[in-house]
Amino acid sequence: MIRIEISLFLKNVPGELARLTDLFGQADINIDAITIQDASAYVQNLFEARGKSLKRLASSASYSSMRKDSADFALVRLLTGNPDAAVALLKEHDFLFDTKEVVAVDITNKPGEFAKIAKKFGEERININYVYGSVSDADGKCLFVFCPEDVAYAASFFE
């Protein structure tokens, strides 16, 4: 199913994640999935994209400086049970964020289930830009979030 992912930057210091999740908790907004990474990896991806593109997005010196500075921040991607309320809350508290559509799939926690989905994307020639997920007990379902290049087409596999 297509869901709205929220991406935001947090200062990479103790307590920031607690502040964010506490805001969501107080607003009764559940976090269904989350991934956090050092933002310098995100900037590195921009730099690599610059090398593949004919357009120059910024100078090498600019990217080096941004990469160094970005280690002070974490890139957080998350899905919530109520993205509209989450966006309003983030705006109210002056967070820097963006939203995009992704494909979220509940799969059975059994060997090979994830492989079936990855194989389908490959067969359909759809590149996956990134993926993150959850794990449950052996009898439960897992939620995996895919960011494919063609969200609508990829989502049609799971209808």
C-alpha atoms as a PDB file:
ATOM      1  CA  MET A   1       0.000   0.000   0.000  1.00  0.00           C
ATOM      2  CA  ILE A   2       1.159   3.557  -0.637  1.00  0.00           C
ATOM      3  CA  ARG A   3       1.958   5.471   2.537  1.00  0.00           C
ATOM      4  CA  ILE A   4       3.427   8.871   3.323  1.00  0.00           C
ATOM      5  CA  GLU A   5       6.972   8.830   4.666  1.00  0.00           C
ATOM      6  CA  ILE A   6       8.279  11.781   6.648  1.00  0.00           C
ATOM      7  CA  SER A   7      11.998  12.563   6.416  1.00  0.00           C
ATOM      8  CA  LEU A   8      13.536  15.003   8.839  1.00  0.00           C
ATOM      9  CA  PHE A   9      16.841  16.086  10.270  1.00  0.00           C
ATOM     10  CA  LEU A  10      17.555  15.929  13.988  1.00  0.00           C
ATOM     11  CA  LYS A  11      20.590  17.189  15.797  1.00  0.00           C
ATOM     12  CA  ASN A  12      22.874  14.241  16.469  1.00  0.00           C
ATOM     13  CA  VAL A  13      22.929  14.755  20.244  1.00  0.00           C
ATOM     14  CA  PRO A  14      21.518  12.812  23.195  1.00  0.00           C
ATOM     15  CA  GLY A  15      17.846  13.505  23.876  1.00  0.00           C
ATOM     16  CA  GLU A  16      16.744  14.713  20.428  1.00  0.00           C
ATOM     17  CA  LEU A  17      15.094  11.437  19.451  1.00  0.00           C
ATOM     18  CA  ALA A  18      13.375  11.342  22.848  1.00  0.00           C
ATOM     19  CA  ARG A  19      12.088  14.886  22.252  1.00  0.00           C
ATOM     20  CA  LEU A  20      10.667  13.942  18.841  1.00  0.00           C
ATOM     21  CA  THR A  21       9.077  10.685  19.963  1.00  0.00           C
ATOM     22  CA  ASP A  22       7.685  12.320  23.098  1.00  0.00           C
ATOM     23  CA  LEU A  23       5.960  14.965  20.946  1.00  0.00           C
ATOM     24  CA  PHE A  24       4.388  12.202  18.867  1.00  0.00           C
ATOM     25  CA  GLY A  25       3.384  10.246  21.956  1.00  0.00           C
ATOM     26  CA  GLN A  26       1.750  13.258  23.604  1.00  0.00           C
ATOM     27  CA  ALA A  27      -0.179  13.909  20.370  1.00  0.00           C
ATOM     28  CA  ASP A  28      -1.271  10.230  20.253  1.00  0.00           C
ATOM     29  CA  ILE A  29       0.562   9.673  16.940  1.00  0.00           C
ATOM     30  CA  ASN A  30       1.945   6.158  16.591  1.00  0.00           C
ATOM     31  CA  ILE A  31       5.244   5.556  14.790  1.00  0.00           C
ATOM     32  CA  ASP A  32       4.737   2.479  12.608  1.00  0.00           C
ATOM     33  CA  ALA A  33       8.286   2.327  11.195  1.00  0.00           C
ATOM     34  CA  ILE A  34      11.472   4.340  11.620  1.00  0.00           C
ATOM     35  CA  THR A  35      15.038   4.370  10.391  1.00  0.00           C
ATOM     36  CA  ILE A  36      17.795   6.734  11.474  1.00  0.00           C
ATOM     37  CA  GLN A  37      21.156   7.302   9.856  1.00  0.00           C
ATOM     38  CA  ASP A  38      23.995   9.774  10.052  1.00  0.00           C
ATOM     39  CA  ALA A  39      23.058  12.530   7.597  1.00  0.00           C
ATOM     40  CA  SER A  40      26.542  12.475   6.065  1.00  0.00           C
ATOM     41  CA  ALA A  41      25.551   9.304   4.177  1.00  0.00           C
ATOM     42  CA  TYR A  42      22.647  11.252   2.669  1.00  0.00           C
ATOM     43  CA  VAL A  43      25.006  14.026   1.565  1.00  0.00           C
ATOM     44  CA  GLN A  44      27.388  11.409   0.135  1.00  0.00           C
ATOM     45  CA  ASN A  45      24.520  10.090  -1.993  1.00  0.00           C
ATOM     46  CA  LEU A  46      23.927  13.606  -3.299  1.00  0.00           C
ATOM     47  CA  PHE A  47      27.603  13.884  -4.181  1.00  0.00           C
ATOM     48  CA  GLU A  48      27.527  10.570  -6.044  1.00  0.00           C
ATOM     49  CA  ALA A  49      24.371  11.632  -7.908  1.00  0.00           C
ATOM     50  CA  ARG A  50      26.198  14.798  -8.935  1.00  0.00           C
ATOM     51  CA  GLY A  51      28.905  12.659 -10.507  1.00  0.00           C
ATOM     52  CA  LYS A  52      26.349  10.676 -12.545  1.00  0.00           C
ATOM     53  CA  SER A  53      24.490  13.754 -13.720  1.00  0.00           C
ATOM     54  CA  LEU A  54      25.494  16.161 -16.419  1.00  0.00           C
ATOM     55  CA  LYS A  55      24.247  18.991 -14.211  1.00  0.00           C
ATOM     56  CA  ARG A  56      26.539  20.332 -11.541  1.00  0.00           C
ATOM     57  CA  LEU A  57      24.543  20.657  -8.330  1.00  0.00           C
ATOM     58  CA  ALA A  58      27.378  22.129  -6.278  1.00  0.00           C
ATOM     59  CA  SER A  59      31.150  22.160  -6.226  1.00  0.00           C
ATOM     60  CA  SER A  60      33.192  19.307  -4.744  1.00  0.00           C
ATOM     61  CA  ALA A  61      34.388  21.663  -2.009  1.00  0.00           C
ATOM     62  CA  SER A  62      30.782  22.475  -1.113  1.00  0.00           C
ATOM     63  CA  TYR A  63      29.894  18.791  -0.816  1.00  0.00           C
ATOM     64  CA  SER A  64      32.966  18.075   1.311  1.00  0.00           C
ATOM     65  CA  SER A  65      32.006  20.888   3.651  1.00  0.00           C
ATOM     66  CA  MET A  66      28.365  19.759   3.774  1.00  0.00           C
ATOM     67  CA  ARG A  67      29.398  16.163   4.480  1.00  0.00           C
ATOM     68  CA  LYS A  68      31.574  17.250   7.400  1.00  0.00           C
ATOM     69  CA  ASP A  69      28.843  19.487   8.817  1.00  0.00           C
ATOM     70  CA  SER A  70      26.106  16.890   8.236  1.00  0.00           C
ATOM     71  CA  ALA A  71      27.686  14.468  10.727  1.00  0.00           C
ATOM     72  CA  ASP A  72      26.143  16.762  13.361  1.00  0.00           C
ATOM     73  CA  PHE A  73      22.690  15.668  12.188  1.00  0.00           C
ATOM     74  CA  ALA A  74      20.747  12.450  11.770  1.00  0.00           C
ATOM     75  CA  LEU A  75      18.412  11.736   8.876  1.00  0.00           C
ATOM     76  CA  VAL A  76      15.199  10.214  10.242  1.00  0.00           C
ATOM     77  CA  ARG A  77      12.661   8.510   7.996  1.00  0.00           C
ATOM     78  CA  LEU A  78       9.392   7.352   9.511  1.00  0.00           C
ATOM     79  CA  LEU A  79       5.825   6.262   8.905  1.00  0.00           C
ATOM     80  CA  THR A  80       3.083   7.228  11.309  1.00  0.00           C
ATOM     81  CA  GLY A  81      -0.489   6.146  11.786  1.00  0.00           C
ATOM     82  CA  ASN A  82      -1.604   9.719  11.073  1.00  0.00           C
ATOM     83  CA  PRO A  83       0.752  11.532   8.665  1.00  0.00           C
ATOM     84  CA  ASP A  84      -1.429  14.666   8.477  1.00  0.00           C
ATOM     85  CA  ALA A  85      -1.314  15.143  12.247  1.00  0.00           C
ATOM     86  CA  ALA A  86       2.421  14.344  12.280  1.00  0.00           C
ATOM     87  CA  VAL A  87       3.124  16.962   9.601  1.00  0.00           C
ATOM     88  CA  ALA A  88       1.081  19.567  11.488  1.00  0.00           C
ATOM     89  CA  LEU A  89       2.956  18.749  14.698  1.00  0.00           C
ATOM     90  CA  LEU A  90       6.356  19.016  13.002  1.00  0.00           C
ATOM     91  CA  LYS A  91       5.394  22.368  11.461  1.00  0.00           C
ATOM     92  CA  GLU A  92       4.181  23.633  14.831  1.00  0.00           C
ATOM     93  CA  HIS A  93       7.550  22.767  16.402  1.00  0.00           C
ATOM     94  CA  ASP A  94       9.676  24.123  13.516  1.00  0.00           C
ATOM     95  CA  PHE A  95      11.204  20.841  12.376  1.00  0.00           C
ATOM     96  CA  LEU A  96      12.865  20.736   8.965  1.00  0.00           C
ATOM     97  CA  PHE A  97      11.143  17.871   7.115  1.00  0.00           C
ATOM     98  CA  ASP A  98       9.846  16.575   3.809  1.00  0.00           C
ATOM     99  CA  THR A  99       7.262  13.985   2.787  1.00  0.00           C
ATOM    100  CA  LYS A 100       7.106  11.467  -0.020  1.00  0.00           C
ATOM    101  CA  GLU A 101       5.139   8.433  -1.068  1.00  0.00           C
ATOM    102  CA  VAL A 102       6.600   4.993  -0.368  1.00  0.00           C
ATOM    103  CA  VAL A 103       5.307   1.439  -0.538  1.00  0.00           C
ATOM    104  CA  ALA A 104       4.669  -0.278   2.812  1.00  0.00           C
ATOM    105  CA  VAL A 105       4.112  -4.031   2.806  1.00  0.00           C
ATOM    106  CA  ASP A 106       3.143  -6.400   5.611  1.00  0.00           C
ATOM    107  CA  ILE A 107       4.913  -9.715   5.101  1.00  0.00           C
ATOM    108  CA  THR A 108       4.998 -12.951   7.047  1.00  0.00           C
ATOM    109  CA  ASN A 109       8.120 -13.449   9.150  1.00  0.00           C
ATOM    110  CA  LYS A 110       9.286 -16.566   7.317  1.00  0.00           C
ATOM    111  CA  PRO A 111      12.502 -17.302   5.398  1.00  0.00           C
ATOM    112  CA  GLY A 112      12.236 -16.286   1.743  1.00  0.00           C
ATOM    113  CA  GLU A 113       9.253 -13.925   2.059  1.00  0.00           C
ATOM    114  CA  PHE A 114      11.388 -10.802   1.686  1.00  0.00           C
ATOM    115  CA  ALA A 115      13.186 -12.465  -1.244  1.00  0.00           C
ATOM    116  CA  LYS A 116       9.866 -12.914  -3.078  1.00  0.00           C
ATOM    117  CA  ILE A 117       9.209  -9.179  -2.921  1.00  0.00           C
ATOM    118  CA  ALA A 118      12.739  -8.238  -3.934  1.00  0.00           C
ATOM    119  CA  LYS A 119      12.547 -10.694  -6.842  1.00  0.00           C
ATOM    120  CA  LYS A 120       9.269  -9.134  -8.042  1.00  0.00           C
ATOM    121  CA  PHE A 121      10.844  -5.678  -8.068  1.00  0.00           C
ATOM    122  CA  GLY A 122      13.777  -7.075 -10.032  1.00  0.00           C
ATOM    123  CA  GLU A 123      11.584  -8.884 -12.545  1.00  0.00           C
ATOM    124  CA  GLU A 124       9.621  -5.687 -13.133  1.00  0.00           C
ATOM    125  CA  ARG A 125      12.895  -3.721 -13.531  1.00  0.00           C
ATOM    126  CA  ILE A 126      12.045  -1.383 -10.625  1.00  0.00           C
ATOM    127  CA  ASN A 127      15.017  -0.075  -8.690  1.00  0.00           C
ATOM    128  CA  ILE A 128      14.680   0.157  -4.902  1.00  0.00           C
ATOM    129  CA  ASN A 129      16.375   3.298  -3.598  1.00  0.00           C
ATOM    130  CA  TYR A 130      16.230   2.167   0.034  1.00  0.00           C
ATOM    131  CA  VAL A 131      14.275  -0.146   2.304  1.00  0.00           C
ATOM    132  CA  TYR A 132      13.792  -0.524   6.040  1.00  0.00           C
ATOM    133  CA  GLY A 133      11.592  -2.742   8.116  1.00  0.00           C
ATOM    134  CA  SER A 134      10.591  -4.307  11.357  1.00  0.00           C
ATOM    135  CA  VAL A 135      10.752  -7.804  12.739  1.00  0.00           C
ATOM    136  CA  SER A 136       8.172  -9.546  14.842  1.00  0.00           C
ATOM    137  CA  ASP A 137       7.895 -12.929  16.446  1.00  0.00           C
ATOM    138  CA  ALA A 138       7.855 -15.930  14.095  1.00  0.00           C
ATOM    139  CA  ASP A 139       4.050 -15.950  13.848  1.00  0.00           C
ATOM    140  CA  GLY A 140       3.574 -12.242  13.303  1.00  0.00           C
ATOM    141  CA  LYS A 141       3.756  -9.856  10.398  1.00  0.00           C
ATOM    142  CA  CYS A 142       6.640  -7.548   9.577  1.00  0.00           C
ATOM    143  CA  LEU A 143       6.263  -4.093   8.060  1.00  0.00           C
ATOM    144  CA  PHE A 144       8.765  -3.239   5.340  1.00  0.00           C
ATOM    145  CA  VAL A 145       9.000   0.163   3.696  1.00  0.00           C
ATOM    146  CA  PHE A 146      10.275   0.385   0.127  1.00  0.00           C
ATOM    147  CA  CYS A 147      11.209   3.523  -1.747  1.00  0.00           C
ATOM    148  CA  PRO A 148      11.048   2.431  -5.389  1.00  0.00           C
ATOM    149  CA  GLU A 149      11.482   4.727  -8.349  1.00  0.00           C
ATOM    150  CA  ASP A 150       7.866   4.126  -9.480  1.00  0.00           C
ATOM    151  CA  VAL A 151       5.754   4.059  -6.314  1.00  0.00           C
ATOM    152  CA  ALA A 152       2.340   3.618  -7.958  1.00  0.00           C
ATOM    153  CA  TYR A 153       3.484   0.738 -10.150  1.00  0.00           C
ATOM    154  CA  ALA A 154       5.266  -0.998  -7.290  1.00  0.00           C
ATOM    155  CA  ALA A 155       2.238  -0.612  -5.016  1.00  0.00           C
ATOM    156  CA  SER A 156       0.034  -2.307  -7.626  1.00  0.00           C
ATOM    157  CA  PHE A 157       1.820  -5.628  -6.900  1.00  0.00           C
ATOM    158  CA  PHE A 158       0.312  -5.724  -3.422  1.00  0.00           C
ATOM    159  CA  GLU A 159      -3.312  -4.805  -4.102  1.00  0.00           C
END
